[in-house]
Amino acid sequence: PGAPINNPHGFTVSEVRFGDGARLAPHRSPLPDVWFLQSGALTVDIDGEQIDLGPGDTFTFARNALRAAQAHTPSVLVRVHGGDNAPELLGA
């Protein structure tokens, strides 16, 4: 194990795990966000429109859109977030 890689490139990739029934509170972000659902089932709410996601689905959140999510089963996603230091997804 070496030192962490510190090479700014404008985005952050992370794995996010939602417990069964976990909710992501409504919020806005000035940065783009892309989710790749690996397993489980989520409903995302984007500006009041609800969309169900299953394994293999990809969803892109536009900048400043009001967004929220709820897991219907334990779920794992890969998140690509604009910026070199993505904030934690609270509630996940």
N, C-alpha and C. Protein backbone atom coordinates (compact mmCIF):
# COMPACT_ATOMS: atom_id res chain seq x y z
N PRO A 1 0.83 -1.20 0.00
CA PRO A 1 0.00 0.00 0.00
C PRO A 1 0.87 1.25 0.00
N GLY A 2 0.63 2.09 -0.96
CA GLY A 2 1.37 3.34 -1.06
C GLY A 2 0.52 4.51 -0.60
N ALA A 3 1.00 5.68 -0.90
CA ALA A 3 0.29 6.91 -0.55
C ALA A 3 -0.94 7.06 -1.45
N PRO A 4 -1.98 7.74 -0.94
CA PRO A 4 -3.16 7.99 -1.77
C PRO A 4 -2.78 8.78 -3.03
N ILE A 5 -3.48 8.50 -4.10
CA ILE A 5 -3.25 9.24 -5.35
C ILE A 5 -3.93 10.59 -5.25
N ASN A 6 -3.20 11.64 -5.50
CA ASN A 6 -3.75 12.99 -5.46
C ASN A 6 -3.53 13.62 -6.82
N ASN A 7 -4.45 13.38 -7.73
CA ASN A 7 -4.34 13.87 -9.09
C ASN A 7 -5.69 14.47 -9.49
N PRO A 8 -5.92 15.76 -9.18
CA PRO A 8 -7.23 16.36 -9.49
C PRO A 8 -7.60 16.19 -10.96
N HIS A 9 -8.86 15.79 -11.21
CA HIS A 9 -9.30 15.57 -12.58
C HIS A 9 -10.75 15.98 -12.81
N GLY A 10 -11.40 16.60 -11.82
CA GLY A 10 -12.71 17.18 -12.04
C GLY A 10 -13.90 16.30 -11.71
N PHE A 11 -13.68 15.07 -11.23
CA PHE A 11 -14.79 14.22 -10.81
C PHE A 11 -14.32 13.25 -9.74
N THR A 12 -15.29 12.67 -9.03
CA THR A 12 -15.01 11.70 -7.98
C THR A 12 -15.87 10.47 -8.22
N VAL A 13 -15.30 9.28 -8.08
CA VAL A 13 -16.03 8.02 -8.22
C VAL A 13 -16.08 7.36 -6.84
N SER A 14 -17.27 6.93 -6.44
CA SER A 14 -17.40 6.27 -5.14
C SER A 14 -18.49 5.21 -5.19
N GLU A 15 -18.44 4.29 -4.24
CA GLU A 15 -19.50 3.29 -4.07
C GLU A 15 -20.39 3.77 -2.95
N VAL A 16 -21.71 3.69 -3.16
CA VAL A 16 -22.68 4.10 -2.15
C VAL A 16 -23.58 2.91 -1.86
N ARG A 17 -23.80 2.64 -0.58
CA ARG A 17 -24.67 1.54 -0.16
C ARG A 17 -25.87 2.13 0.58
N PHE A 18 -27.06 1.73 0.15
CA PHE A 18 -28.30 2.11 0.82
C PHE A 18 -28.84 0.89 1.54
N GLY A 19 -29.24 1.06 2.79
CA GLY A 19 -29.93 0.00 3.51
C GLY A 19 -31.37 -0.08 3.03
N ASP A 20 -32.03 -1.20 3.33
CA ASP A 20 -33.44 -1.38 2.97
C ASP A 20 -34.26 -0.25 3.56
N GLY A 21 -34.97 0.50 2.72
CA GLY A 21 -35.81 1.60 3.19
C GLY A 21 -35.09 2.91 3.41
N ALA A 22 -33.77 2.95 3.20
CA ALA A 22 -33.01 4.20 3.42
C ALA A 22 -33.50 5.28 2.46
N ARG A 23 -33.44 6.52 2.94
CA ARG A 23 -33.88 7.66 2.14
C ARG A 23 -32.76 8.68 2.03
N LEU A 24 -32.68 9.29 0.88
CA LEU A 24 -31.80 10.43 0.65
C LEU A 24 -32.70 11.65 0.64
N ALA A 25 -32.51 12.55 1.59
CA ALA A 25 -33.38 13.73 1.73
C ALA A 25 -33.29 14.63 0.49
N PRO A 26 -34.37 15.31 0.15
CA PRO A 26 -34.34 16.24 -0.98
C PRO A 26 -33.25 17.30 -0.80
N HIS A 27 -32.51 17.54 -1.87
CA HIS A 27 -31.44 18.54 -1.84
C HIS A 27 -31.08 18.92 -3.28
N ARG A 28 -30.27 19.94 -3.42
CA ARG A 28 -29.77 20.38 -4.72
C ARG A 28 -28.25 20.36 -4.69
N SER A 29 -27.65 20.16 -5.85
CA SER A 29 -26.20 20.22 -5.97
C SER A 29 -25.86 21.01 -7.22
N PRO A 30 -24.86 21.89 -7.13
CA PRO A 30 -24.46 22.66 -8.31
C PRO A 30 -23.62 21.84 -9.28
N LEU A 31 -23.33 20.58 -8.92
CA LEU A 31 -22.46 19.74 -9.74
C LEU A 31 -23.25 18.58 -10.33
N PRO A 32 -22.85 18.08 -11.51
CA PRO A 32 -23.53 16.92 -12.09
C PRO A 32 -23.26 15.66 -11.28
N ASP A 33 -24.16 14.69 -11.39
CA ASP A 33 -24.08 13.46 -10.62
C ASP A 33 -24.63 12.33 -11.49
N VAL A 34 -23.89 11.22 -11.61
CA VAL A 34 -24.35 10.06 -12.38
C VAL A 34 -24.32 8.85 -11.47
N TRP A 35 -25.41 8.08 -11.46
CA TRP A 35 -25.50 6.87 -10.65
C TRP A 35 -25.61 5.67 -11.57
N PHE A 36 -24.85 4.61 -11.28
CA PHE A 36 -24.93 3.32 -11.95
C PHE A 36 -25.38 2.32 -10.88
N LEU A 37 -26.62 1.87 -10.93
CA LEU A 37 -27.13 0.96 -9.91
C LEU A 37 -26.61 -0.45 -10.18
N GLN A 38 -25.86 -0.99 -9.23
CA GLN A 38 -25.26 -2.32 -9.36
C GLN A 38 -26.21 -3.41 -8.88
N SER A 39 -26.91 -3.14 -7.77
CA SER A 39 -27.84 -4.13 -7.22
C SER A 39 -28.89 -3.40 -6.40
N GLY A 40 -30.05 -4.06 -6.25
CA GLY A 40 -31.12 -3.49 -5.45
C GLY A 40 -32.17 -2.78 -6.29
N ALA A 41 -32.97 -1.96 -5.61
CA ALA A 41 -34.05 -1.21 -6.26
C ALA A 41 -34.21 0.12 -5.56
N LEU A 42 -34.17 1.20 -6.34
CA LEU A 42 -34.32 2.57 -5.82
C LEU A 42 -35.38 3.31 -6.61
N THR A 43 -36.03 4.26 -5.95
CA THR A 43 -36.83 5.25 -6.66
C THR A 43 -36.13 6.58 -6.46
N VAL A 44 -35.82 7.26 -7.56
CA VAL A 44 -35.25 8.60 -7.48
C VAL A 44 -36.35 9.60 -7.81
N ASP A 45 -36.28 10.74 -7.16
CA ASP A 45 -37.21 11.83 -7.42
C ASP A 45 -36.38 13.00 -7.92
N ILE A 46 -36.67 13.43 -9.13
CA ILE A 46 -35.93 14.54 -9.73
C ILE A 46 -36.94 15.63 -10.09
N ASP A 47 -36.87 16.73 -9.39
CA ASP A 47 -37.80 17.85 -9.61
C ASP A 47 -39.26 17.39 -9.60
N GLY A 48 -39.59 16.45 -8.69
CA GLY A 48 -40.97 16.00 -8.53
C GLY A 48 -41.37 14.82 -9.39
N GLU A 49 -40.51 14.37 -10.30
CA GLU A 49 -40.81 13.21 -11.14
C GLU A 49 -40.10 11.99 -10.56
N GLN A 50 -40.85 10.91 -10.32
CA GLN A 50 -40.27 9.70 -9.75
C GLN A 50 -39.93 8.69 -10.84
N ILE A 51 -38.75 8.08 -10.69
CA ILE A 51 -38.26 7.09 -11.65
C ILE A 51 -37.72 5.91 -10.87
N ASP A 52 -38.17 4.70 -11.21
CA ASP A 52 -37.69 3.49 -10.56
C ASP A 52 -36.45 2.98 -11.27
N LEU A 53 -35.43 2.61 -10.47
CA LEU A 53 -34.18 2.09 -11.01
C LEU A 53 -33.96 0.66 -10.51
N GLY A 54 -33.42 -0.18 -11.38
CA GLY A 54 -33.05 -1.54 -11.03
C GLY A 54 -31.62 -1.81 -11.43
N PRO A 55 -31.10 -2.99 -11.14
CA PRO A 55 -29.71 -3.32 -11.47
C PRO A 55 -29.41 -3.07 -12.95
N GLY A 56 -28.29 -2.39 -13.19
CA GLY A 56 -27.87 -2.07 -14.55
C GLY A 56 -28.34 -0.73 -15.05
N ASP A 57 -29.27 -0.08 -14.33
CA ASP A 57 -29.76 1.23 -14.76
C ASP A 57 -28.76 2.33 -14.43
N THR A 58 -28.77 3.36 -15.26
CA THR A 58 -27.93 4.54 -15.08
C THR A 58 -28.85 5.76 -15.02
N PHE A 59 -28.55 6.68 -14.12
CA PHE A 59 -29.34 7.90 -14.02
C PHE A 59 -28.41 9.09 -13.87
N THR A 60 -28.71 10.17 -14.60
CA THR A 60 -27.92 11.40 -14.53
C THR A 60 -28.78 12.50 -13.91
N PHE A 61 -28.26 13.12 -12.85
CA PHE A 61 -28.92 14.26 -12.22
C PHE A 61 -28.33 15.54 -12.81
N ALA A 62 -29.18 16.42 -13.30
CA ALA A 62 -28.72 17.71 -13.82
C ALA A 62 -28.27 18.62 -12.67
N ARG A 63 -27.44 19.56 -12.99
CA ARG A 63 -27.00 20.56 -12.00
C ARG A 63 -28.21 21.28 -11.42
N ASN A 64 -28.20 21.47 -10.11
CA ASN A 64 -29.21 22.24 -9.37
C ASN A 64 -30.61 21.64 -9.38
N ALA A 65 -30.79 20.45 -9.91
CA ALA A 65 -32.11 19.81 -9.87
C ALA A 65 -32.40 19.37 -8.43
N LEU A 66 -33.66 19.48 -8.01
CA LEU A 66 -34.05 18.98 -6.71
C LEU A 66 -34.11 17.46 -6.80
N ARG A 67 -33.35 16.79 -5.95
CA ARG A 67 -33.22 15.34 -6.03
C ARG A 67 -33.40 14.69 -4.66
N ALA A 68 -33.94 13.46 -4.70
CA ALA A 68 -34.12 12.65 -3.50
C ALA A 68 -34.14 11.19 -3.97
N ALA A 69 -34.04 10.26 -3.02
CA ALA A 69 -34.08 8.84 -3.39
C ALA A 69 -34.56 8.02 -2.20
N GLN A 70 -35.12 6.83 -2.52
CA GLN A 70 -35.49 5.86 -1.50
C GLN A 70 -35.15 4.47 -2.00
N ALA A 71 -34.52 3.69 -1.14
CA ALA A 71 -34.21 2.29 -1.47
C ALA A 71 -35.38 1.40 -1.08
N HIS A 72 -35.71 0.45 -1.95
CA HIS A 72 -36.77 -0.52 -1.66
C HIS A 72 -36.20 -1.85 -1.19
N THR A 73 -34.91 -2.04 -1.45
CA THR A 73 -34.16 -3.20 -0.99
C THR A 73 -32.74 -2.69 -0.70
N PRO A 74 -31.90 -3.46 -0.01
CA PRO A 74 -30.51 -3.05 0.11
C PRO A 74 -29.95 -2.83 -1.31
N SER A 75 -29.29 -1.71 -1.51
CA SER A 75 -28.86 -1.32 -2.86
C SER A 75 -27.43 -0.81 -2.86
N VAL A 76 -26.73 -1.07 -3.97
CA VAL A 76 -25.35 -0.61 -4.14
C VAL A 76 -25.28 0.10 -5.48
N LEU A 77 -24.68 1.30 -5.47
CA LEU A 77 -24.50 2.03 -6.72
C LEU A 77 -23.10 2.60 -6.80
N VAL A 78 -22.67 2.84 -8.03
CA VAL A 78 -21.43 3.56 -8.28
C VAL A 78 -21.83 4.98 -8.65
N ARG A 79 -21.21 5.93 -8.00
CA ARG A 79 -21.55 7.34 -8.18
C ARG A 79 -20.37 8.06 -8.81
N VAL A 80 -20.64 8.81 -9.88
CA VAL A 80 -19.64 9.70 -10.48
C VAL A 80 -20.17 11.11 -10.27
N HIS A 81 -19.45 11.88 -9.47
CA HIS A 81 -19.89 13.21 -9.04
C HIS A 81 -18.90 14.25 -9.54
N GLY A 82 -19.41 15.34 -10.09
CA GLY A 82 -18.54 16.43 -10.49
C GLY A 82 -17.74 16.98 -9.32
N GLY A 83 -16.52 17.36 -9.55
CA GLY A 83 -15.67 17.90 -8.49
C GLY A 83 -14.72 16.85 -7.95
N ASP A 84 -13.61 17.30 -7.42
CA ASP A 84 -12.58 16.39 -6.93
C ASP A 84 -12.84 15.86 -5.52
N ASN A 85 -13.78 16.44 -4.80
CA ASN A 85 -14.10 15.99 -3.44
C ASN A 85 -15.60 15.92 -3.28
N ALA A 86 -16.21 14.82 -3.69
CA ALA A 86 -17.67 14.69 -3.62
C ALA A 86 -18.14 14.60 -2.16
N PRO A 87 -19.22 15.29 -1.83
CA PRO A 87 -19.76 15.16 -0.48
C PRO A 87 -20.41 13.80 -0.27
N GLU A 88 -20.51 13.40 0.99
CA GLU A 88 -21.20 12.15 1.35
C GLU A 88 -22.68 12.28 1.00
N LEU A 89 -23.31 11.16 0.67
CA LEU A 89 -24.75 11.13 0.47
C LEU A 89 -25.37 10.84 1.83
N LEU A 90 -25.87 11.86 2.50
CA LEU A 90 -26.45 11.67 3.83
C LEU A 90 -27.77 10.94 3.71
N GLY A 91 -27.98 9.98 4.56
CA GLY A 91 -29.20 9.19 4.55
C GLY A 91 -29.01 7.87 3.86
N ALA A 92 -27.94 7.74 3.10
CA ALA A 92 -27.67 6.49 2.37
C ALA A 92 -27.05 5.48 3.32
